[in-house]
Structures are given as structure tokens and as C-alpha cells.
Amino acid sequence: AASNAGLDASPNASPDAAAQTVTGR
């Protein structure tokens, strides 16, 4: 994800963007 601010993980996120992990349903 390029940013944590948005609802979604942007499809334009760069390959070296920080990895993020979320858990839920």
C-alpha cells in the first residue's frame, strides 16, 4: 500500500511500497 490514508490498497502502489497486513472477514 502506497499510503495508509485511503480505503483501498492503490493499484498504483510501487513494488517497494511498505507491506501491510490486515486480518478480518
mmCIF file of all heavy atoms, coordinates in Angstrom:
data_MODEL
# 
_entry.id   MODEL 
# 
loop_
_atom_site.group_PDB 
_atom_site.id 
_atom_site.type_symbol 
_atom_site.label_atom_id 
_atom_site.label_alt_id 
_atom_site.label_comp_id 
_atom_site.label_asym_id 
_atom_site.label_entity_id 
_atom_site.label_seq_id 
_atom_site.pdbx_PDB_ins_code 
_atom_site.Cartn_x 
_atom_site.Cartn_y 
_atom_site.Cartn_z 
_atom_site.occupancy 
_atom_site.B_iso_or_equiv 
_atom_site.pdbx_formal_charge 
_atom_site.auth_seq_id 
_atom_site.auth_comp_id 
_atom_site.auth_asym_id 
_atom_site.auth_atom_id 
_atom_site.pdbx_PDB_model_num 
ATOM 1   N N   . ALA A 1 1  ? 0.847   -1.192  0.000   1.00 0.00 ? 1  ALA A N   1 
ATOM 2   C CA  . ALA A 1 1  ? 0.000   0.000   0.000   1.00 0.00 ? 1  ALA A CA  1 
ATOM 3   C C   . ALA A 1 1  ? 0.873   1.230   0.000   1.00 0.00 ? 1  ALA A C   1 
ATOM 4   O O   . ALA A 1 1  ? 1.774   1.357   0.821   1.00 0.00 ? 1  ALA A O   1 
ATOM 5   C CB  . ALA A 1 1  ? -0.919  0.007   1.218   1.00 0.00 ? 1  ALA A CB  1 
ATOM 6   N N   . ALA A 1 2  ? 0.574   2.134   -0.931  1.00 0.00 ? 2  ALA A N   1 
ATOM 7   C CA  . ALA A 1 2  ? 1.372   3.363   -1.001  1.00 0.00 ? 2  ALA A CA  1 
ATOM 8   C C   . ALA A 1 2  ? 1.076   4.280   0.164   1.00 0.00 ? 2  ALA A C   1 
ATOM 9   O O   . ALA A 1 2  ? 1.899   5.088   0.554   1.00 0.00 ? 2  ALA A O   1 
ATOM 10  C CB  . ALA A 1 2  ? 1.091   4.083   -2.319  1.00 0.00 ? 2  ALA A CB  1 
ATOM 11  N N   . SER A 1 3  ? -0.109  4.165   0.744   1.00 0.00 ? 3  SER A N   1 
ATOM 12  C CA  . SER A 1 3  ? -0.491  5.042   1.843   1.00 0.00 ? 3  SER A CA  1 
ATOM 13  C C   . SER A 1 3  ? -1.499  4.330   2.714   1.00 0.00 ? 3  SER A C   1 
ATOM 14  O O   . SER A 1 3  ? -2.267  3.508   2.259   1.00 0.00 ? 3  SER A O   1 
ATOM 15  C CB  . SER A 1 3  ? -1.105  6.334   1.299   1.00 0.00 ? 3  SER A CB  1 
ATOM 16  O OG  . SER A 1 3  ? -1.699  7.083   2.329   1.00 0.00 ? 3  SER A OG  1 
ATOM 17  N N   . ASN A 1 4  ? -1.512  4.663   3.994   1.00 0.00 ? 4  ASN A N   1 
ATOM 18  C CA  . ASN A 1 4  ? -2.499  4.103   4.899   1.00 0.00 ? 4  ASN A CA  1 
ATOM 19  C C   . ASN A 1 4  ? -3.751  4.968   4.969   1.00 0.00 ? 4  ASN A C   1 
ATOM 20  O O   . ASN A 1 4  ? -4.699  4.624   5.657   1.00 0.00 ? 4  ASN A O   1 
ATOM 21  C CB  . ASN A 1 4  ? -1.908  3.990   6.309   1.00 0.00 ? 4  ASN A CB  1 
ATOM 22  C CG  . ASN A 1 4  ? -0.796  2.965   6.370   1.00 0.00 ? 4  ASN A CG  1 
ATOM 23  O OD1 . ASN A 1 4  ? -0.722  2.080   5.540   1.00 0.00 ? 4  ASN A OD1 1 
ATOM 24  N ND2 . ASN A 1 4  ? 0.079   3.096   7.354   1.00 0.00 ? 4  ASN A ND2 1 
ATOM 25  N N   . ALA A 1 5  ? -3.737  6.108   4.279   1.00 0.00 ? 5  ALA A N   1 
ATOM 26  C CA  . ALA A 1 5  ? -4.828  7.049   4.449   1.00 0.00 ? 5  ALA A CA  1 
ATOM 27  C C   . ALA A 1 5  ? -6.098  6.612   3.733   1.00 0.00 ? 5  ALA A C   1 
ATOM 28  O O   . ALA A 1 5  ? -7.187  6.889   4.185   1.00 0.00 ? 5  ALA A O   1 
ATOM 29  C CB  . ALA A 1 5  ? -4.417  8.445   3.951   1.00 0.00 ? 5  ALA A CB  1 
ATOM 30  N N   . GLY A 1 6  ? -5.981  5.940   2.598   1.00 0.00 ? 6  GLY A N   1 
ATOM 31  C CA  . GLY A 1 6  ? -7.144  5.635   1.779   1.00 0.00 ? 6  GLY A CA  1 
ATOM 32  C C   . GLY A 1 6  ? -7.860  4.386   2.217   1.00 0.00 ? 6  GLY A C   1 
ATOM 33  O O   . GLY A 1 6  ? -7.385  3.619   3.043   1.00 0.00 ? 6  GLY A O   1 
ATOM 34  N N   . LEU A 1 7  ? -9.049  4.195   1.650   1.00 0.00 ? 7  LEU A N   1 
ATOM 35  C CA  . LEU A 1 7  ? -9.785  2.965   1.912   1.00 0.00 ? 7  LEU A CA  1 
ATOM 36  C C   . LEU A 1 7  ? -9.050  1.773   1.349   1.00 0.00 ? 7  LEU A C   1 
ATOM 37  O O   . LEU A 1 7  ? -8.942  0.733   1.983   1.00 0.00 ? 7  LEU A O   1 
ATOM 38  C CB  . LEU A 1 7  ? -11.177 3.042   1.262   1.00 0.00 ? 7  LEU A CB  1 
ATOM 39  C CG  . LEU A 1 7  ? -11.936 1.714   1.193   1.00 0.00 ? 7  LEU A CG  1 
ATOM 40  C CD1 . LEU A 1 7  ? -12.338 1.280   2.580   1.00 0.00 ? 7  LEU A CD1 1 
ATOM 41  C CD2 . LEU A 1 7  ? -13.139 1.826   0.287   1.00 0.00 ? 7  LEU A CD2 1 
ATOM 42  N N   . ASP A 1 8  ? -8.508  1.920   0.157   1.00 0.00 ? 8  ASP A N   1 
ATOM 43  C CA  . ASP A 1 8  ? -8.022  0.757   -0.553  1.00 0.00 ? 8  ASP A CA  1 
ATOM 44  C C   . ASP A 1 8  ? -6.514  0.776   -0.728  1.00 0.00 ? 8  ASP A C   1 
ATOM 45  O O   . ASP A 1 8  ? -5.864  1.792   -0.604  1.00 0.00 ? 8  ASP A O   1 
ATOM 46  C CB  . ASP A 1 8  ? -8.680  0.668   -1.935  1.00 0.00 ? 8  ASP A CB  1 
ATOM 47  C CG  . ASP A 1 8  ? -8.475  1.951   -2.723  1.00 0.00 ? 8  ASP A CG  1 
ATOM 48  O OD1 . ASP A 1 8  ? -8.419  3.023   -2.100  1.00 0.00 ? 8  ASP A OD1 1 
ATOM 49  O OD2 . ASP A 1 8  ? -8.380  1.874   -3.951  1.00 0.00 ? 8  ASP A OD2 1 
ATOM 50  N N   . ALA A 1 9  ? -5.968  -0.402  -1.026  1.00 0.00 ? 9  ALA A N   1 
ATOM 51  C CA  . ALA A 1 9  ? -4.571  -0.506  -1.443  1.00 0.00 ? 9  ALA A CA  1 
ATOM 52  C C   . ALA A 1 9  ? -4.514  -0.106  -2.901  1.00 0.00 ? 9  ALA A C   1 
ATOM 53  O O   . ALA A 1 9  ? -5.113  -0.740  -3.751  1.00 0.00 ? 9  ALA A O   1 
ATOM 54  C CB  . ALA A 1 9  ? -4.071  -1.928  -1.265  1.00 0.00 ? 9  ALA A CB  1 
ATOM 55  N N   . SER A 1 10 ? -3.824  0.980   -3.182  1.00 0.00 ? 10 SER A N   1 
ATOM 56  C CA  . SER A 1 10 ? -3.855  1.534   -4.534  1.00 0.00 ? 10 SER A CA  1 
ATOM 57  C C   . SER A 1 10 ? -3.264  0.577   -5.555  1.00 0.00 ? 10 SER A C   1 
ATOM 58  O O   . SER A 1 10 ? -2.200  -0.007  -5.331  1.00 0.00 ? 10 SER A O   1 
ATOM 59  C CB  . SER A 1 10 ? -3.063  2.841   -4.555  1.00 0.00 ? 10 SER A CB  1 
ATOM 60  O OG  . SER A 1 10 ? -2.878  3.279   -5.876  1.00 0.00 ? 10 SER A OG  1 
ATOM 61  N N   . PRO A 1 11 ? -3.905  0.407   -6.715  1.00 0.00 ? 11 PRO A N   1 
ATOM 62  C CA  . PRO A 1 11 ? -3.307  -0.423  -7.768  1.00 0.00 ? 11 PRO A CA  1 
ATOM 63  C C   . PRO A 1 11 ? -2.036  0.194   -8.326  1.00 0.00 ? 11 PRO A C   1 
ATOM 64  O O   . PRO A 1 11 ? -1.287  -0.470  -9.033  1.00 0.00 ? 11 PRO A O   1 
ATOM 65  C CB  . PRO A 1 11 ? -4.415  -0.482  -8.831  1.00 0.00 ? 11 PRO A CB  1 
ATOM 66  C CG  . PRO A 1 11 ? -5.269  0.700   -8.567  1.00 0.00 ? 11 PRO A CG  1 
ATOM 67  C CD  . PRO A 1 11 ? -5.214  0.929   -7.087  1.00 0.00 ? 11 PRO A CD  1 
ATOM 68  N N   . ASN A 1 12 ? -1.780  1.458   -8.000  1.00 0.00 ? 12 ASN A N   1 
ATOM 69  C CA  . ASN A 1 12 ? -0.564  2.126   -8.461  1.00 0.00 ? 12 ASN A CA  1 
ATOM 70  C C   . ASN A 1 12 ? 0.567   2.079   -7.442  1.00 0.00 ? 12 ASN A C   1 
ATOM 71  O O   . ASN A 1 12 ? 1.575   2.756   -7.602  1.00 0.00 ? 12 ASN A O   1 
ATOM 72  C CB  . ASN A 1 12 ? -0.875  3.593   -8.800  1.00 0.00 ? 12 ASN A CB  1 
ATOM 73  C CG  . ASN A 1 12 ? -1.909  3.714   -9.906  1.00 0.00 ? 12 ASN A CG  1 
ATOM 74  O OD1 . ASN A 1 12 ? -1.852  2.975   -10.880 1.00 0.00 ? 12 ASN A OD1 1 
ATOM 75  N ND2 . ASN A 1 12 ? -2.858  4.617   -9.746  1.00 0.00 ? 12 ASN A ND2 1 
ATOM 76  N N   . ALA A 1 13 ? 0.384   1.313   -6.371  1.00 0.00 ? 13 ALA A N   1 
ATOM 77  C CA  . ALA A 1 13 ? 1.434   1.207   -5.365  1.00 0.00 ? 13 ALA A CA  1 
ATOM 78  C C   . ALA A 1 13 ? 2.698   0.632   -5.987  1.00 0.00 ? 13 ALA A C   1 
ATOM 79  O O   . ALA A 1 13 ? 2.658   -0.310  -6.767  1.00 0.00 ? 13 ALA A O   1 
ATOM 80  C CB  . ALA A 1 13 ? 0.973   0.315   -4.209  1.00 0.00 ? 13 ALA A CB  1 
ATOM 81  N N   . SER A 1 14 ? 3.829   1.215   -5.655  1.00 0.00 ? 14 SER A N   1 
ATOM 82  C CA  . SER A 1 14 ? 5.095   0.762   -6.235  1.00 0.00 ? 14 SER A CA  1 
ATOM 83  C C   . SER A 1 14 ? 5.507   -0.571  -5.634  1.00 0.00 ? 14 SER A C   1 
ATOM 84  O O   . SER A 1 14 ? 5.097   -0.922  -4.528  1.00 0.00 ? 14 SER A O   1 
ATOM 85  C CB  . SER A 1 14 ? 6.183   1.805   -5.964  1.00 0.00 ? 14 SER A CB  1 
ATOM 86  O OG  . SER A 1 14 ? 6.399   1.938   -4.572  1.00 0.00 ? 14 SER A OG  1 
ATOM 87  N N   . PRO A 1 15 ? 6.333   -1.330  -6.349  1.00 0.00 ? 15 PRO A N   1 
ATOM 88  C CA  . PRO A 1 15 ? 6.748   -2.641  -5.839  1.00 0.00 ? 15 PRO A CA  1 
ATOM 89  C C   . PRO A 1 15 ? 7.463   -2.572  -4.498  1.00 0.00 ? 15 PRO A C   1 
ATOM 90  O O   . PRO A 1 15 ? 7.439   -3.539  -3.742  1.00 0.00 ? 15 PRO A O   1 
ATOM 91  C CB  . PRO A 1 15 ? 7.685   -3.160  -6.940  1.00 0.00 ? 15 PRO A CB  1 
ATOM 92  C CG  . PRO A 1 15 ? 7.247   -2.432  -8.173  1.00 0.00 ? 15 PRO A CG  1 
ATOM 93  C CD  . PRO A 1 15 ? 6.823   -1.087  -7.713  1.00 0.00 ? 15 PRO A CD  1 
ATOM 94  N N   . ASP A 1 16 ? 8.111   -1.435  -4.216  1.00 0.00 ? 16 ASP A N   1 
ATOM 95  C CA  . ASP A 1 16 ? 8.825   -1.338  -2.950  1.00 0.00 ? 16 ASP A CA  1 
ATOM 96  C C   . ASP A 1 16 ? 8.009   -0.634  -1.872  1.00 0.00 ? 16 ASP A C   1 
ATOM 97  O O   . ASP A 1 16 ? 8.524   -0.241  -0.833  1.00 0.00 ? 16 ASP A O   1 
ATOM 98  C CB  . ASP A 1 16 ? 10.155  -0.607  -3.137  1.00 0.00 ? 16 ASP A CB  1 
ATOM 99  C CG  . ASP A 1 16 ? 9.978   0.792   -3.727  1.00 0.00 ? 16 ASP A CG  1 
ATOM 100 O OD1 . ASP A 1 16 ? 8.844   1.111   -4.144  1.00 0.00 ? 16 ASP A OD1 1 
ATOM 101 O OD2 . ASP A 1 16 ? 10.971  1.536   -3.753  1.00 0.00 ? 16 ASP A OD2 1 
ATOM 102 N N   . ALA A 1 17 ? 6.691   -0.452  -2.123  1.00 0.00 ? 17 ALA A N   1 
ATOM 103 C CA  . ALA A 1 17 ? 5.841   0.144   -1.093  1.00 0.00 ? 17 ALA A CA  1 
ATOM 104 C C   . ALA A 1 17 ? 5.805   -0.756  0.132   1.00 0.00 ? 17 ALA A C   1 
ATOM 105 O O   . ALA A 1 17 ? 5.965   -1.974  0.042   1.00 0.00 ? 17 ALA A O   1 
ATOM 106 C CB  . ALA A 1 17 ? 4.426   0.348   -1.645  1.00 0.00 ? 17 ALA A CB  1 
ATOM 107 N N   . ALA A 1 18 ? 5.589   -0.138  1.275   1.00 0.00 ? 18 ALA A N   1 
ATOM 108 C CA  . ALA A 1 18 ? 5.602   -0.889  2.526   1.00 0.00 ? 18 ALA A CA  1 
ATOM 109 C C   . ALA A 1 18 ? 4.499   -1.944  2.532   1.00 0.00 ? 18 ALA A C   1 
ATOM 110 O O   . ALA A 1 18 ? 3.368   -1.701  2.101   1.00 0.00 ? 18 ALA A O   1 
ATOM 111 C CB  . ALA A 1 18 ? 5.414   0.067   3.694   1.00 0.00 ? 18 ALA A CB  1 
ATOM 112 N N   . ALA A 1 19 ? 4.858   -3.125  3.022   1.00 0.00 ? 19 ALA A N   1 
ATOM 113 C CA  . ALA A 1 19 ? 3.866   -4.199  3.145   1.00 0.00 ? 19 ALA A CA  1 
ATOM 114 C C   . ALA A 1 19 ? 3.003   -3.945  4.373   1.00 0.00 ? 19 ALA A C   1 
ATOM 115 O O   . ALA A 1 19 ? 3.466   -3.445  5.394   1.00 0.00 ? 19 ALA A O   1 
ATOM 116 C CB  . ALA A 1 19 ? 4.559   -5.542  3.247   1.00 0.00 ? 19 ALA A CB  1 
ATOM 117 N N   . GLN A 1 20 ? 1.727   -4.274  4.250   1.00 0.00 ? 20 GLN A N   1 
ATOM 118 C CA  . GLN A 1 20 ? 0.794   -4.107  5.352   1.00 0.00 ? 20 GLN A CA  1 
ATOM 119 C C   . GLN A 1 20 ? -0.039  -5.373  5.470   1.00 0.00 ? 20 GLN A C   1 
ATOM 120 O O   . GLN A 1 20 ? -0.359  -6.016  4.463   1.00 0.00 ? 20 GLN A O   1 
ATOM 121 C CB  . GLN A 1 20 ? -0.095  -2.891  5.118   1.00 0.00 ? 20 GLN A CB  1 
ATOM 122 C CG  . GLN A 1 20 ? -0.970  -2.551  6.309   1.00 0.00 ? 20 GLN A CG  1 
ATOM 123 C CD  . GLN A 1 20 ? -1.492  -1.131  6.227   1.00 0.00 ? 20 GLN A CD  1 
ATOM 124 O OE1 . GLN A 1 20 ? -1.117  -0.379  5.332   1.00 0.00 ? 20 GLN A OE1 1 
ATOM 125 N NE2 . GLN A 1 20 ? -2.349  -0.753  7.148   1.00 0.00 ? 20 GLN A NE2 1 
ATOM 126 N N   . THR A 1 21 ? -0.394  -5.725  6.686   1.00 0.00 ? 21 THR A N   1 
ATOM 127 C CA  . THR A 1 21 ? -1.179  -6.930  6.938   1.00 0.00 ? 21 THR A CA  1 
ATOM 128 C C   . THR A 1 21 ? -2.427  -6.574  7.721   1.00 0.00 ? 21 THR A C   1 
ATOM 129 O O   . THR A 1 21 ? -2.353  -5.836  8.716   1.00 0.00 ? 21 THR A O   1 
ATOM 130 C CB  . THR A 1 21 ? -0.359  -7.968  7.724   1.00 0.00 ? 21 THR A CB  1 
ATOM 131 O OG1 . THR A 1 21 ? 0.779   -8.350  6.947   1.00 0.00 ? 21 THR A OG1 1 
ATOM 132 C CG2 . THR A 1 21 ? -1.194  -9.206  8.021   1.00 0.00 ? 21 THR A CG2 1 
ATOM 133 N N   . VAL A 1 22 ? -3.572  -7.058  7.254   1.00 0.00 ? 22 VAL A N   1 
ATOM 134 C CA  . VAL A 1 22 ? -4.823  -6.860  7.966   1.00 0.00 ? 22 VAL A CA  1 
ATOM 135 C C   . VAL A 1 22 ? -5.525  -8.211  8.103   1.00 0.00 ? 22 VAL A C   1 
ATOM 136 O O   . VAL A 1 22 ? -5.403  -9.086  7.245   1.00 0.00 ? 22 VAL A O   1 
ATOM 137 C CB  . VAL A 1 22 ? -5.746  -5.853  7.248   1.00 0.00 ? 22 VAL A CB  1 
ATOM 138 C CG1 . VAL A 1 22 ? -5.134  -4.465  7.264   1.00 0.00 ? 22 VAL A CG1 1 
ATOM 139 C CG2 . VAL A 1 22 ? -6.032  -6.285  5.829   1.00 0.00 ? 22 VAL A CG2 1 
ATOM 140 N N   . THR A 1 23 ? -6.250  -8.349  9.201   1.00 0.00 ? 23 THR A N   1 
ATOM 141 C CA  . THR A 1 23 ? -6.972  -9.588  9.475   1.00 0.00 ? 23 THR A CA  1 
ATOM 142 C C   . THR A 1 23 ? -8.440  -9.266  9.736   1.00 0.00 ? 23 THR A C   1 
ATOM 143 O O   . THR A 1 23 ? -8.761  -8.288  10.413  1.00 0.00 ? 23 THR A O   1 
ATOM 144 C CB  . THR A 1 23 ? -6.379  -10.300 10.707  1.00 0.00 ? 23 THR A CB  1 
ATOM 145 O OG1 . THR A 1 23 ? -5.026  -10.657 10.434  1.00 0.00 ? 23 THR A OG1 1 
ATOM 146 C CG2 . THR A 1 23 ? -7.166  -11.567 11.044  1.00 0.00 ? 23 THR A CG2 1 
ATOM 147 N N   . GLY A 1 24 ? -9.320  -10.086 9.169   1.00 0.00 ? 24 GLY A N   1 
ATOM 148 C CA  . GLY A 1 24 ? -10.745 -9.895  9.375   1.00 0.00 ? 24 GLY A CA  1 
ATOM 149 C C   . GLY A 1 24 ? -11.533 -10.868 8.546   1.00 0.00 ? 24 GLY A C   1 
ATOM 150 O O   . GLY A 1 24 ? -11.036 -11.922 8.145   1.00 0.00 ? 24 GLY A O   1 
ATOM 151 N N   . ARG A 1 25 ? -12.784 -10.518 8.262   1.00 0.00 ? 25 ARG A N   1 
ATOM 152 C CA  . ARG A 1 25 ? -13.621 -11.363 7.420   1.00 0.00 ? 25 ARG A CA  1 
ATOM 153 C C   . ARG A 1 25 ? -13.748 -10.727 6.050   1.00 0.00 ? 25 ARG A C   1 
ATOM 154 O O   . ARG A 1 25 ? -13.866 -9.506  5.919   1.00 0.00 ? 25 ARG A O   1 
ATOM 155 C CB  . ARG A 1 25 ? -15.001 -11.554 8.040   1.00 0.00 ? 25 ARG A CB  1 
ATOM 156 C CG  . ARG A 1 25 ? -15.798 -10.284 8.222   1.00 0.00 ? 25 ARG A CG  1 
ATOM 157 C CD  . ARG A 1 25 ? -17.128 -10.571 8.899   1.00 0.00 ? 25 ARG A CD  1 
ATOM 158 N NE  . ARG A 1 25 ? -17.829 -9.327  9.233   1.00 0.00 ? 25 ARG A NE  1 
ATOM 159 C CZ  . ARG A 1 25 ? -18.896 -9.276  10.023  1.00 0.00 ? 25 ARG A CZ  1 
ATOM 160 N NH1 . ARG A 1 25 ? -19.387 -10.391 10.554  1.00 0.00 ? 25 ARG A NH1 1 
ATOM 161 N NH2 . ARG A 1 25 ? -19.472 -8.131  10.288  1.00 0.00 ? 25 ARG A NH2 1 
# 
